[in-house]
Amino acid sequence: MSKKRNALGRGLSALLSDTPDTDKLEEGAAPPPVTSGVNEILIAEIQVNPFQPRQHFDEVALKELADSIKVHGIIQPITVRKLSHNQYQLISGERRFQASKLAGLKAVPAYVRSADDQQMLEMALIENIQRENLNPIEIAVSYQRLISEINLKQEELGDRVGKNRSTVTNYLRLLKLPPDIQIALRDNKISMGHARAIINVDNPDTQLYIFKKTIAEDLSVRKVEELVRQMMSPSKGSGSKASAPEGTGPSREIKQLQSTLSTHFGTKVNVKSDGKKGEIKIPFLSIEDLNRILEILKV
């Protein structure tokens, strides 16, 4: 296992090794020949890469690439692995492959390499990240797959893709956002900066409120960051030291209650008590915010 990990750590060139892979060959078949040149392979004999991290292709850009291929052909060959006789699977170059089908080509130039499933996943991810054409959610999902399916630690993953650990962590945190926000990030309706600000709020209902307000008012990243700070900070004048008896402060139980209520309502809740009676203050920033809190209270 350590030998395989070391090979993977050398990058994309090491992943495209010349070591034959017989895992998916038909029983009794010889290992697939590995060629250093370019082969013309029928499109009908090529399967798509099941490990492809990119989920969405721009139809207009794909059509433009197909038109270019009709005129100039494929300049950069795709890369495939051989599964069995006259059966191949894409390793990289799916846009070129899909555009070639759209252009009506019957065959495409390809390099044939050997790779196992683990290498297929990592190569697809590395190639796309190096081209910087994955959206943040696709990158996050791919990172998570590498961690869960190849058992990489975040530090190891960072080394593989050339990112530091904090960058990897920021992408992985995106997967904790509600689906509506993930979809908006995937579709470029909000930026990575917007998402990173929203994720600092723990309550999903509050996250969705901030997200909807961001879309409706076309808020900048800075405005969203300010909104998050306002919702997570105590309201002015509440819970001041002057309001508490001298030399005393909230008990551990009161602090825990404040924390629980703040998380539940998505805003800093202040609780005061003298042991017999007290008050709970729930600040709101706007009528929309008040309505959100009333919905949580089911009032």
C-alpha atoms as a PDB file:
ATOM      1  CA  MET A   1       0.000   0.000   0.000  1.00  0.00           C
ATOM      2  CA  SER A   2       2.818   2.374   0.836  1.00  0.00           C
ATOM      3  CA  LYS A   3       4.371   1.694  -2.552  1.00  0.00           C
ATOM      4  CA  LYS A   4       1.151   2.721  -4.314  1.00  0.00           C
ATOM      5  CA  ARG A   5       0.810   5.835  -2.170  1.00  0.00           C
ATOM      6  CA  ASN A   6       4.354   6.892  -3.059  1.00  0.00           C
ATOM      7  CA  ALA A   7       3.640   6.492  -6.760  1.00  0.00           C
ATOM      8  CA  LEU A   8       0.494   8.545  -6.489  1.00  0.00           C
ATOM      9  CA  GLY A   9       2.368  11.288  -4.691  1.00  0.00           C
ATOM     10  CA  ARG A  10       4.541  11.958  -7.723  1.00  0.00           C
ATOM     11  CA  GLY A  11       1.653  13.609  -9.573  1.00  0.00           C
ATOM     12  CA  LEU A  12      -0.225  13.107 -12.823  1.00  0.00           C
ATOM     13  CA  SER A  13       2.766  11.843 -14.808  1.00  0.00           C
ATOM     14  CA  ALA A  14       3.358   9.069 -12.282  1.00  0.00           C
ATOM     15  CA  LEU A  15      -0.336   8.180 -12.306  1.00  0.00           C
ATOM     16  CA  LEU A  16      -0.159   7.673 -16.062  1.00  0.00           C
ATOM     17  CA  SER A  17       2.211   4.787 -15.485  1.00  0.00           C
ATOM     18  CA  ASP A  18       3.189   2.079 -17.933  1.00  0.00           C
ATOM     19  CA  THR A  19       2.392  -0.686 -15.440  1.00  0.00           C
ATOM     20  CA  PRO A  20      -0.171  -3.047 -17.012  1.00  0.00           C
ATOM     21  CA  ASP A  21      -3.468  -3.354 -15.161  1.00  0.00           C
ATOM     22  CA  THR A  22      -5.354  -6.633 -15.533  1.00  0.00           C
ATOM     23  CA  ASP A  23      -8.117  -5.957 -12.997  1.00  0.00           C
ATOM     24  CA  LYS A  24     -10.759  -5.416 -15.674  1.00  0.00           C
ATOM     25  CA  LEU A  25      -9.472  -7.670 -18.434  1.00  0.00           C
ATOM     26  CA  GLU A  26     -11.503 -10.609 -19.594  1.00  0.00           C
ATOM     27  CA  GLU A  27     -10.518 -13.849 -17.901  1.00  0.00           C
ATOM     28  CA  GLY A  28      -7.423 -15.335 -19.505  1.00  0.00           C
ATOM     29  CA  ALA A  29      -6.697 -12.254 -21.597  1.00  0.00           C
ATOM     30  CA  ALA A  30      -3.192 -10.855 -21.884  1.00  0.00           C
ATOM     31  CA  PRO A  31      -2.317  -7.526 -20.215  1.00  0.00           C
ATOM     32  CA  PRO A  32      -3.196  -4.536 -22.416  1.00  0.00           C
ATOM     33  CA  PRO A  33      -0.397  -3.165 -24.570  1.00  0.00           C
ATOM     34  CA  VAL A  34       0.724   0.290 -23.503  1.00  0.00           C
ATOM     35  CA  THR A  35       1.662   2.617 -26.327  1.00  0.00           C
ATOM     36  CA  SER A  36       3.706   5.763 -26.228  1.00  0.00           C
ATOM     37  CA  GLY A  37       2.193   7.048 -29.473  1.00  0.00           C
ATOM     38  CA  VAL A  38      -1.307   8.136 -30.390  1.00  0.00           C
ATOM     39  CA  ASN A  39      -3.959   5.612 -31.418  1.00  0.00           C
ATOM     40  CA  GLU A  40      -7.140   6.218 -33.429  1.00  0.00           C
ATOM     41  CA  ILE A  41      -9.951   4.625 -31.387  1.00  0.00           C
ATOM     42  CA  LEU A  42     -13.593   4.325 -32.383  1.00  0.00           C
ATOM     43  CA  ILE A  43     -15.870   6.508 -30.272  1.00  0.00           C
ATOM     44  CA  ALA A  44     -18.318   3.603 -29.989  1.00  0.00           C
ATOM     45  CA  GLU A  45     -15.629   1.609 -28.152  1.00  0.00           C
ATOM     46  CA  ILE A  46     -15.049   4.261 -25.463  1.00  0.00           C
ATOM     47  CA  GLN A  47     -16.976   4.441 -22.171  1.00  0.00           C
ATOM     48  CA  VAL A  48     -17.191   7.646 -20.141  1.00  0.00           C
ATOM     49  CA  ASN A  49     -15.197   7.957 -16.929  1.00  0.00           C
ATOM     50  CA  PRO A  50     -17.418   7.040 -13.931  1.00  0.00           C
ATOM     51  CA  PHE A  51     -14.991   8.919 -11.687  1.00  0.00           C
ATOM     52  CA  GLN A  52     -15.317  12.196 -13.602  1.00  0.00           C
ATOM     53  CA  PRO A  53     -15.708  14.917 -10.930  1.00  0.00           C
ATOM     54  CA  ARG A  54     -17.235  17.443 -13.302  1.00  0.00           C
ATOM     55  CA  GLN A  55     -21.009  17.109 -13.355  1.00  0.00           C
ATOM     56  CA  HIS A  56     -22.047  19.955 -15.653  1.00  0.00           C
ATOM     57  CA  PHE A  57     -20.801  21.045 -19.073  1.00  0.00           C
ATOM     58  CA  ASP A  58     -21.584  24.410 -20.631  1.00  0.00           C
ATOM     59  CA  GLU A  59     -23.665  23.516 -23.694  1.00  0.00           C
ATOM     60  CA  VAL A  60     -22.683  26.664 -25.609  1.00  0.00           C
ATOM     61  CA  ALA A  61     -18.966  26.123 -24.954  1.00  0.00           C
ATOM     62  CA  LEU A  62     -19.323  22.443 -25.890  1.00  0.00           C
ATOM     63  CA  LYS A  63     -20.992  23.401 -29.195  1.00  0.00           C
ATOM     64  CA  GLU A  64     -18.202  25.904 -29.909  1.00  0.00           C
ATOM     65  CA  LEU A  65     -15.595  23.202 -29.263  1.00  0.00           C
ATOM     66  CA  ALA A  66     -17.469  20.800 -31.558  1.00  0.00           C
ATOM     67  CA  ASP A  67     -17.487  23.427 -34.332  1.00  0.00           C
ATOM     68  CA  SER A  68     -13.741  23.913 -33.871  1.00  0.00           C
ATOM     69  CA  ILE A  69     -13.151  20.150 -34.025  1.00  0.00           C
ATOM     70  CA  LYS A  70     -15.080  19.952 -37.296  1.00  0.00           C
ATOM     71  CA  VAL A  71     -12.632  22.451 -38.811  1.00  0.00           C
ATOM     72  CA  HIS A  72      -9.325  21.656 -37.116  1.00  0.00           C
ATOM     73  CA  GLY A  73      -9.812  18.178 -35.640  1.00  0.00           C
ATOM     74  CA  ILE A  74      -8.713  17.247 -32.115  1.00  0.00           C
ATOM     75  CA  ILE A  75      -5.417  18.991 -31.338  1.00  0.00           C
ATOM     76  CA  GLN A  76      -4.841  17.312 -27.946  1.00  0.00           C
ATOM     77  CA  PRO A  77      -5.571  13.560 -27.799  1.00  0.00           C
ATOM     78  CA  ILE A  78      -7.755  12.163 -25.036  1.00  0.00           C
ATOM     79  CA  THR A  79      -6.395   9.556 -22.603  1.00  0.00           C
ATOM     80  CA  VAL A  80      -8.057   6.159 -22.057  1.00  0.00           C
ATOM     81  CA  ARG A  81      -7.434   2.852 -20.335  1.00  0.00           C
ATOM     82  CA  LYS A  82      -8.095  -0.506 -21.969  1.00  0.00           C
ATOM     83  CA  LEU A  83     -10.783  -2.650 -20.324  1.00  0.00           C
ATOM     84  CA  SER A  84     -10.819  -5.578 -22.770  1.00  0.00           C
ATOM     85  CA  HIS A  85     -10.607  -6.211 -26.515  1.00  0.00           C
ATOM     86  CA  ASN A  86     -11.999  -3.157 -28.305  1.00  0.00           C
ATOM     87  CA  GLN A  87     -13.272  -1.669 -25.030  1.00  0.00           C
ATOM     88  CA  TYR A  88     -11.803   1.468 -23.495  1.00  0.00           C
ATOM     89  CA  GLN A  89     -12.656   3.902 -20.703  1.00  0.00           C
ATOM     90  CA  LEU A  90     -11.895   7.608 -20.545  1.00  0.00           C
ATOM     91  CA  ILE A  91      -9.247   8.778 -18.102  1.00  0.00           C
ATOM     92  CA  SER A  92      -9.188  12.422 -19.157  1.00  0.00           C
ATOM     93  CA  GLY A  93     -10.555  14.621 -21.930  1.00  0.00           C
ATOM     94  CA  GLU A  94     -14.317  14.194 -21.533  1.00  0.00           C
ATOM     95  CA  ARG A  95     -15.109  17.637 -23.016  1.00  0.00           C
ATOM     96  CA  ARG A  96     -13.115  16.759 -26.131  1.00  0.00           C
ATOM     97  CA  PHE A  97     -14.790  13.344 -26.233  1.00  0.00           C
ATOM     98  CA  GLN A  98     -18.332  14.742 -25.923  1.00  0.00           C
ATOM     99  CA  ALA A  99     -17.598  17.524 -28.447  1.00  0.00           C
ATOM    100  CA  SER A 100     -16.206  14.949 -30.888  1.00  0.00           C
ATOM    101  CA  LYS A 101     -19.451  12.968 -30.717  1.00  0.00           C
ATOM    102  CA  LEU A 102     -21.360  16.207 -31.228  1.00  0.00           C
ATOM    103  CA  ALA A 103     -19.183  16.976 -34.253  1.00  0.00           C
ATOM    104  CA  GLY A 104     -20.039  13.603 -35.776  1.00  0.00           C
ATOM    105  CA  LEU A 105     -16.582  12.031 -35.540  1.00  0.00           C
ATOM    106  CA  LYS A 106     -16.372   8.233 -35.662  1.00  0.00           C
ATOM    107  CA  ALA A 107     -12.919   7.945 -34.083  1.00  0.00           C
ATOM    108  CA  VAL A 108     -10.668  10.087 -31.908  1.00  0.00           C
ATOM    109  CA  PRO A 109      -6.900  10.190 -31.240  1.00  0.00           C
ATOM    110  CA  ALA A 110      -6.061   8.764 -27.833  1.00  0.00           C
ATOM    111  CA  TYR A 111      -3.225   7.720 -25.574  1.00  0.00           C
ATOM    112  CA  VAL A 112      -3.765   4.281 -24.003  1.00  0.00           C
ATOM    113  CA  ARG A 113      -2.592   3.955 -20.426  1.00  0.00           C
ATOM    114  CA  SER A 114      -3.049   1.541 -17.535  1.00  0.00           C
ATOM    115  CA  ALA A 115      -4.785   2.706 -14.359  1.00  0.00           C
ATOM    116  CA  ASP A 116      -6.790   1.147 -11.529  1.00  0.00           C
ATOM    117  CA  ASP A 117      -9.970   2.687 -10.096  1.00  0.00           C
ATOM    118  CA  GLN A 118      -8.074   4.646  -7.460  1.00  0.00           C
ATOM    119  CA  GLN A 119      -5.767   6.156 -10.054  1.00  0.00           C
ATOM    120  CA  MET A 120      -8.722   6.878 -12.373  1.00  0.00           C
ATOM    121  CA  LEU A 121     -10.444   8.943  -9.683  1.00  0.00           C
ATOM    122  CA  GLU A 122      -7.310  10.822  -8.732  1.00  0.00           C
ATOM    123  CA  MET A 123      -6.271  11.512 -12.320  1.00  0.00           C
ATOM    124  CA  ALA A 124      -9.704  12.857 -13.258  1.00  0.00           C
ATOM    125  CA  LEU A 125      -9.658  15.159 -10.240  1.00  0.00           C
ATOM    126  CA  ILE A 126      -6.081  16.375 -10.723  1.00  0.00           C
ATOM    127  CA  GLU A 127      -6.530  17.042 -14.434  1.00  0.00           C
ATOM    128  CA  ASN A 128      -9.661  19.105 -13.883  1.00  0.00           C
ATOM    129  CA  ILE A 129      -8.287  21.031 -10.913  1.00  0.00           C
ATOM    130  CA  GLN A 130      -5.134  21.859 -12.855  1.00  0.00           C
ATOM    131  CA  ARG A 131      -7.385  23.287 -15.572  1.00  0.00           C
ATOM    132  CA  GLU A 132      -9.377  25.140 -12.870  1.00  0.00           C
ATOM    133  CA  ASN A 133     -12.698  24.432 -14.559  1.00  0.00           C
ATOM    134  CA  LEU A 134     -14.589  22.693 -11.778  1.00  0.00           C
ATOM    135  CA  ASN A 135     -17.110  24.650  -9.724  1.00  0.00           C
ATOM    136  CA  PRO A 136     -16.551  24.770  -5.924  1.00  0.00           C
ATOM    137  CA  ILE A 137     -19.123  22.064  -5.140  1.00  0.00           C
ATOM    138  CA  GLU A 138     -17.632  19.658  -7.689  1.00  0.00           C
ATOM    139  CA  ILE A 139     -14.202  20.269  -6.172  1.00  0.00           C
ATOM    140  CA  ALA A 140     -15.565  19.721  -2.661  1.00  0.00           C
ATOM    141  CA  VAL A 141     -17.296  16.466  -3.663  1.00  0.00           C
ATOM    142  CA  SER A 142     -14.124  15.265  -5.374  1.00  0.00           C
ATOM    143  CA  TYR A 143     -12.029  16.083  -2.308  1.00  0.00           C
ATOM    144  CA  GLN A 144     -14.479  14.185  -0.134  1.00  0.00           C
ATOM    145  CA  ARG A 145     -14.340  11.170  -2.445  1.00  0.00           C
ATOM    146  CA  LEU A 146     -10.553  11.116  -2.294  1.00  0.00           C
ATOM    147  CA  ILE A 147     -10.681  11.251   1.502  1.00  0.00           C
ATOM    148  CA  SER A 148     -13.356   8.582   1.884  1.00  0.00           C
ATOM    149  CA  GLU A 149     -12.534   6.243  -1.019  1.00  0.00           C
ATOM    150  CA  ILE A 150      -8.749   6.434  -1.041  1.00  0.00           C
ATOM    151  CA  ASN A 151      -8.400   7.044   2.709  1.00  0.00           C
ATOM    152  CA  LEU A 152      -6.323  10.188   2.322  1.00  0.00           C
ATOM    153  CA  LYS A 153      -5.857  12.620   5.181  1.00  0.00           C
ATOM    154  CA  GLN A 154      -6.421  16.304   4.472  1.00  0.00           C
ATOM    155  CA  GLU A 155      -2.678  17.005   4.539  1.00  0.00           C
ATOM    156  CA  GLU A 156      -2.053  14.207   2.019  1.00  0.00           C
ATOM    157  CA  LEU A 157      -4.901  15.438  -0.148  1.00  0.00           C
ATOM    158  CA  GLY A 158      -3.439  18.939  -0.114  1.00  0.00           C
ATOM    159  CA  ASP A 159      -0.104  17.554  -1.315  1.00  0.00           C
ATOM    160  CA  ARG A 160      -1.837  15.657  -4.153  1.00  0.00           C
ATOM    161  CA  VAL A 161      -3.712  18.665  -5.516  1.00  0.00           C
ATOM    162  CA  GLY A 162      -1.205  21.375  -4.637  1.00  0.00           C
ATOM    163  CA  LYS A 163      -3.401  23.127  -2.062  1.00  0.00           C
ATOM    164  CA  ASN A 164      -2.746  23.878   1.596  1.00  0.00           C
ATOM    165  CA  ARG A 165      -4.833  22.246   4.306  1.00  0.00           C
ATOM    166  CA  SER A 166      -6.930  25.355   5.051  1.00  0.00           C
ATOM    167  CA  THR A 167      -7.994  25.578   1.395  1.00  0.00           C
ATOM    168  CA  VAL A 168      -9.016  21.912   1.398  1.00  0.00           C
ATOM    169  CA  THR A 169     -10.934  22.426   4.655  1.00  0.00           C
ATOM    170  CA  ASN A 170     -12.795  25.448   3.256  1.00  0.00           C
ATOM    171  CA  TYR A 171     -13.974  23.424   0.267  1.00  0.00           C
ATOM    172  CA  LEU A 172     -15.074  20.466   2.411  1.00  0.00           C
ATOM    173  CA  ARG A 173     -17.095  22.774   4.690  1.00  0.00           C
ATOM    174  CA  LEU A 174     -19.236  23.754   1.691  1.00  0.00           C
ATOM    175  CA  LEU A 175     -20.813  20.287   1.768  1.00  0.00           C
ATOM    176  CA  LYS A 176     -22.416  21.157   5.131  1.00  0.00           C
ATOM    177  CA  LEU A 177     -24.460  23.958   3.572  1.00  0.00           C
ATOM    178  CA  PRO A 178     -28.175  23.359   2.795  1.00  0.00           C
ATOM    179  CA  PRO A 179     -28.785  21.920  -0.710  1.00  0.00           C
ATOM    180  CA  ASP A 180     -30.319  25.169  -2.034  1.00  0.00           C
ATOM    181  CA  ILE A 181     -27.126  27.065  -1.249  1.00  0.00           C
ATOM    182  CA  GLN A 182     -24.913  24.339  -2.713  1.00  0.00           C
ATOM    183  CA  ILE A 183     -26.923  24.416  -5.948  1.00  0.00           C
ATOM    184  CA  ALA A 184     -26.636  28.221  -6.156  1.00  0.00           C
ATOM    185  CA  LEU A 185     -22.876  27.970  -5.646  1.00  0.00           C
ATOM    186  CA  ARG A 186     -22.655  25.255  -8.294  1.00  0.00           C
ATOM    187  CA  ASP A 187     -24.614  27.414 -10.743  1.00  0.00           C
ATOM    188  CA  ASN A 188     -22.515  30.548 -10.002  1.00  0.00           C
ATOM    189  CA  LYS A 189     -25.448  32.433  -8.476  1.00  0.00           C
ATOM    190  CA  ILE A 190     -23.275  33.117  -5.438  1.00  0.00           C
ATOM    191  CA  SER A 191     -19.503  33.085  -5.075  1.00  0.00           C
ATOM    192  CA  MET A 192     -17.177  31.063  -2.880  1.00  0.00           C
ATOM    193  CA  GLY A 193     -16.770  34.219  -0.744  1.00  0.00           C
ATOM    194  CA  HIS A 194     -20.542  34.406  -0.125  1.00  0.00           C
ATOM    195  CA  ALA A 195     -20.662  30.734   0.834  1.00  0.00           C
ATOM    196  CA  ARG A 196     -17.676  30.994   3.188  1.00  0.00           C
ATOM    197  CA  ALA A 197     -19.380  33.875   5.010  1.00  0.00           C
ATOM    198  CA  ILE A 198     -22.729  32.087   5.293  1.00  0.00           C
ATOM    199  CA  ILE A 199     -21.196  28.865   6.596  1.00  0.00           C
ATOM    200  CA  ASN A 200     -19.960  30.700   9.695  1.00  0.00           C
ATOM    201  CA  VAL A 201     -23.594  30.657  10.869  1.00  0.00           C
ATOM    202  CA  ASP A 202     -24.502  27.335  12.504  1.00  0.00           C
ATOM    203  CA  ASN A 203     -28.274  27.385  12.083  1.00  0.00           C
ATOM    204  CA  PRO A 204     -29.447  26.112   8.630  1.00  0.00           C
ATOM    205  CA  ASP A 205     -32.607  28.264   8.730  1.00  0.00           C
ATOM    206  CA  THR A 206     -30.495  31.363   9.296  1.00  0.00           C
ATOM    207  CA  GLN A 207     -28.115  30.295   6.526  1.00  0.00           C
ATOM    208  CA  LEU A 208     -31.056  30.071   4.135  1.00  0.00           C
ATOM    209  CA  TYR A 209     -32.379  33.455   5.287  1.00  0.00           C
ATOM    210  CA  ILE A 210     -29.017  35.120   4.589  1.00  0.00           C
ATOM    211  CA  PHE A 211     -28.755  33.289   1.261  1.00  0.00           C
ATOM    212  CA  LYS A 212     -32.212  34.419   0.102  1.00  0.00           C
ATOM    213  CA  LYS A 213     -31.483  37.992   1.189  1.00  0.00           C
ATOM    214  CA  THR A 214     -28.168  37.834  -0.689  1.00  0.00           C
ATOM    215  CA  ILE A 215     -29.906  36.751  -3.895  1.00  0.00           C
ATOM    216  CA  ALA A 216     -32.856  39.144  -3.550  1.00  0.00           C
ATOM    217  CA  GLU A 217     -30.700  42.208  -2.819  1.00  0.00           C
ATOM    218  CA  ASP A 218     -27.627  41.155  -4.820  1.00  0.00           C
ATOM    219  CA  LEU A 219     -25.430  41.616  -1.759  1.00  0.00           C
ATOM    220  CA  SER A 220     -21.663  41.765  -2.102  1.00  0.00           C
ATOM    221  CA  VAL A 221     -19.438  39.415  -0.122  1.00  0.00           C
ATOM    222  CA  ARG A 222     -18.576  42.253   2.267  1.00  0.00           C
ATOM    223  CA  LYS A 223     -22.272  43.003   2.885  1.00  0.00           C
ATOM    224  CA  VAL A 224     -22.932  39.330   3.620  1.00  0.00           C
ATOM    225  CA  GLU A 225     -19.993  39.221   6.023  1.00  0.00           C
ATOM    226  CA  GLU A 226     -21.399  42.300   7.817  1.00  0.00           C
ATOM    227  CA  LEU A 227     -24.851  40.708   7.988  1.00  0.00           C
ATOM    228  CA  VAL A 228     -23.400  37.535   9.489  1.00  0.00           C
ATOM    229  CA  ARG A 229     -21.476  39.543  12.100  1.00  0.00           C
ATOM    230  CA  GLN A 230     -24.634  41.458  13.039  1.00  0.00           C
ATOM    231  CA  MET A 231     -26.675  38.295  13.431  1.00  0.00           C
ATOM    232  CA  MET A 232     -24.030  36.584  15.532  1.00  0.00           C
ATOM    233  CA  SER A 233     -23.158  39.521  17.821  1.00  0.00           C
ATOM    234  CA  PRO A 234     -25.138  40.663  20.900  1.00  0.00           C
ATOM    235  CA  SER A 235     -27.617  43.472  20.401  1.00  0.00           C
ATOM    236  CA  LYS A 236     -26.417  46.843  21.628  1.00  0.00           C
ATOM    237  CA  GLY A 237     -27.314  47.621  25.198  1.00  0.00           C
ATOM    238  CA  SER A 238     -28.358  44.098  26.107  1.00  0.00           C
ATOM    239  CA  GLY A 239     -26.435  42.035  28.557  1.00  0.00           C
ATOM    240  CA  SER A 240     -24.180  44.911  29.586  1.00  0.00           C
ATOM    241  CA  LYS A 241     -22.093  44.585  32.700  1.00  0.00           C
ATOM    242  CA  ALA A 242     -24.059  47.416  34.362  1.00  0.00           C
ATOM    243  CA  SER A 243     -27.264  45.382  34.210  1.00  0.00           C
ATOM    244  CA  ALA A 244     -25.835  42.543  36.250  1.00  0.00           C
ATOM    245  CA  PRO A 245     -25.283  42.624  40.002  1.00  0.00           C
ATOM    246  CA  GLU A 246     -21.760  43.779  40.889  1.00  0.00           C
ATOM    247  CA  GLY A 247     -19.275  40.939  41.047  1.00  0.00           C
ATOM    248  CA  THR A 248     -21.591  38.436  39.405  1.00  0.00           C
ATOM    249  CA  GLY A 249     -22.072  37.138  35.876  1.00  0.00           C
ATOM    250  CA  PRO A 250     -24.195  34.612  34.028  1.00  0.00           C
ATOM    251  CA  SER A 251     -24.019  31.140  35.513  1.00  0.00           C
ATOM    252  CA  ARG A 252     -22.791  28.171  33.515  1.00  0.00           C
ATOM    253  CA  GLU A 253     -26.401  27.065  33.004  1.00  0.00           C
ATOM    254  CA  ILE A 254     -27.426  30.513  31.715  1.00  0.00           C
ATOM    255  CA  LYS A 255     -24.429  30.624  29.354  1.00  0.00           C
ATOM    256  CA  GLN A 256     -25.333  27.194  28.024  1.00  0.00           C
ATOM    257  CA  LEU A 257     -28.959  28.282  27.563  1.00  0.00           C
ATOM    258  CA  GLN A 258     -27.853  31.426  25.717  1.00  0.00           C
ATOM    259  CA  SER A 259     -25.657  29.349  23.420  1.00  0.00           C
ATOM    260  CA  THR A 260     -28.447  26.859  22.706  1.00  0.00           C
ATOM    261  CA  LEU A 261     -31.011  29.584  21.988  1.00  0.00           C
ATOM    262  CA  SER A 262     -28.576  31.572  19.838  1.00  0.00           C
ATOM    263  CA  THR A 263     -27.932  28.516  17.689  1.00  0.00           C
ATOM    264  CA  HIS A 264     -31.652  27.750  17.463  1.00  0.00           C
ATOM    265  CA  PHE A 265     -32.687  31.273  16.412  1.00  0.00           C
ATOM    266  CA  GLY A 266     -29.592  32.115  14.377  1.00  0.00           C
ATOM    267  CA  THR A 267     -28.944  35.315  16.294  1.00  0.00           C
ATOM    268  CA  LYS A 268     -27.297  36.205  19.604  1.00  0.00           C
ATOM    269  CA  VAL A 269     -29.926  35.651  22.310  1.00  0.00           C
ATOM    270  CA  ASN A 270     -29.409  37.303  25.715  1.00  0.00           C
ATOM    271  CA  VAL A 271     -30.699  35.654  28.880  1.00  0.00           C
ATOM    272  CA  LYS A 272     -30.719  37.409  32.283  1.00  0.00           C
ATOM    273  CA  SER A 273     -31.863  35.873  35.537  1.00  0.00           C
ATOM    274  CA  ASP A 274     -31.513  36.622  39.247  1.00  0.00           C
ATOM    275  CA  GLY A 275     -32.269  33.014  40.125  1.00  0.00           C
ATOM    276  CA  LYS A 276     -36.026  33.586  40.454  1.00  0.00           C
ATOM    277  CA  LYS A 277     -37.056  35.658  37.481  1.00  0.00           C
ATOM    278  CA  GLY A 278     -35.467  37.121  34.383  1.00  0.00           C
ATOM    279  CA  GLU A 279     -35.864  37.846  30.713  1.00  0.00           C
ATOM    280  CA  ILE A 280     -34.916  36.541  27.282  1.00  0.00           C
ATOM    281  CA  LYS A 281     -34.063  39.026  24.525  1.00  0.00           C
ATOM    282  CA  ILE A 282     -34.076  37.949  20.867  1.00  0.00           C
ATOM    283  CA  PRO A 283     -32.876  40.804  18.631  1.00  0.00           C
ATOM    284  CA  PHE A 284     -33.934  41.069  14.980  1.00  0.00           C
ATOM    285  CA  LEU A 285     -32.374  43.108  12.173  1.00  0.00           C
ATOM    286  CA  SER A 286     -35.382  43.696   9.937  1.00  0.00           C
ATOM    287  CA  ILE A 287     -39.042  42.824   9.454  1.00  0.00           C
ATOM    288  CA  GLU A 288     -37.939  39.846   7.359  1.00  0.00           C
ATOM    289  CA  ASP A 289     -35.675  38.716  10.182  1.00  0.00           C
ATOM    290  CA  LEU A 290     -38.530  39.136  12.664  1.00  0.00           C
ATOM    291  CA  ASN A 291     -40.801  37.022  10.460  1.00  0.00           C
ATOM    292  CA  ARG A 292     -38.089  34.367  10.291  1.00  0.00           C
ATOM    293  CA  ILE A 293     -37.893  34.247  14.096  1.00  0.00           C
ATOM    294  CA  LEU A 294     -41.700  34.141  14.370  1.00  0.00           C
ATOM    295  CA  GLU A 295     -41.746  31.173  11.981  1.00  0.00           C
ATOM    296  CA  ILE A 296     -39.274  29.362  14.227  1.00  0.00           C
ATOM    297  CA  LEU A 297     -41.518  30.175  17.221  1.00  0.00           C
ATOM    298  CA  LYS A 298     -44.533  29.057  15.145  1.00  0.00           C
ATOM    299  CA  VAL A 299     -46.360  32.242  16.132  1.00  0.00           C
END
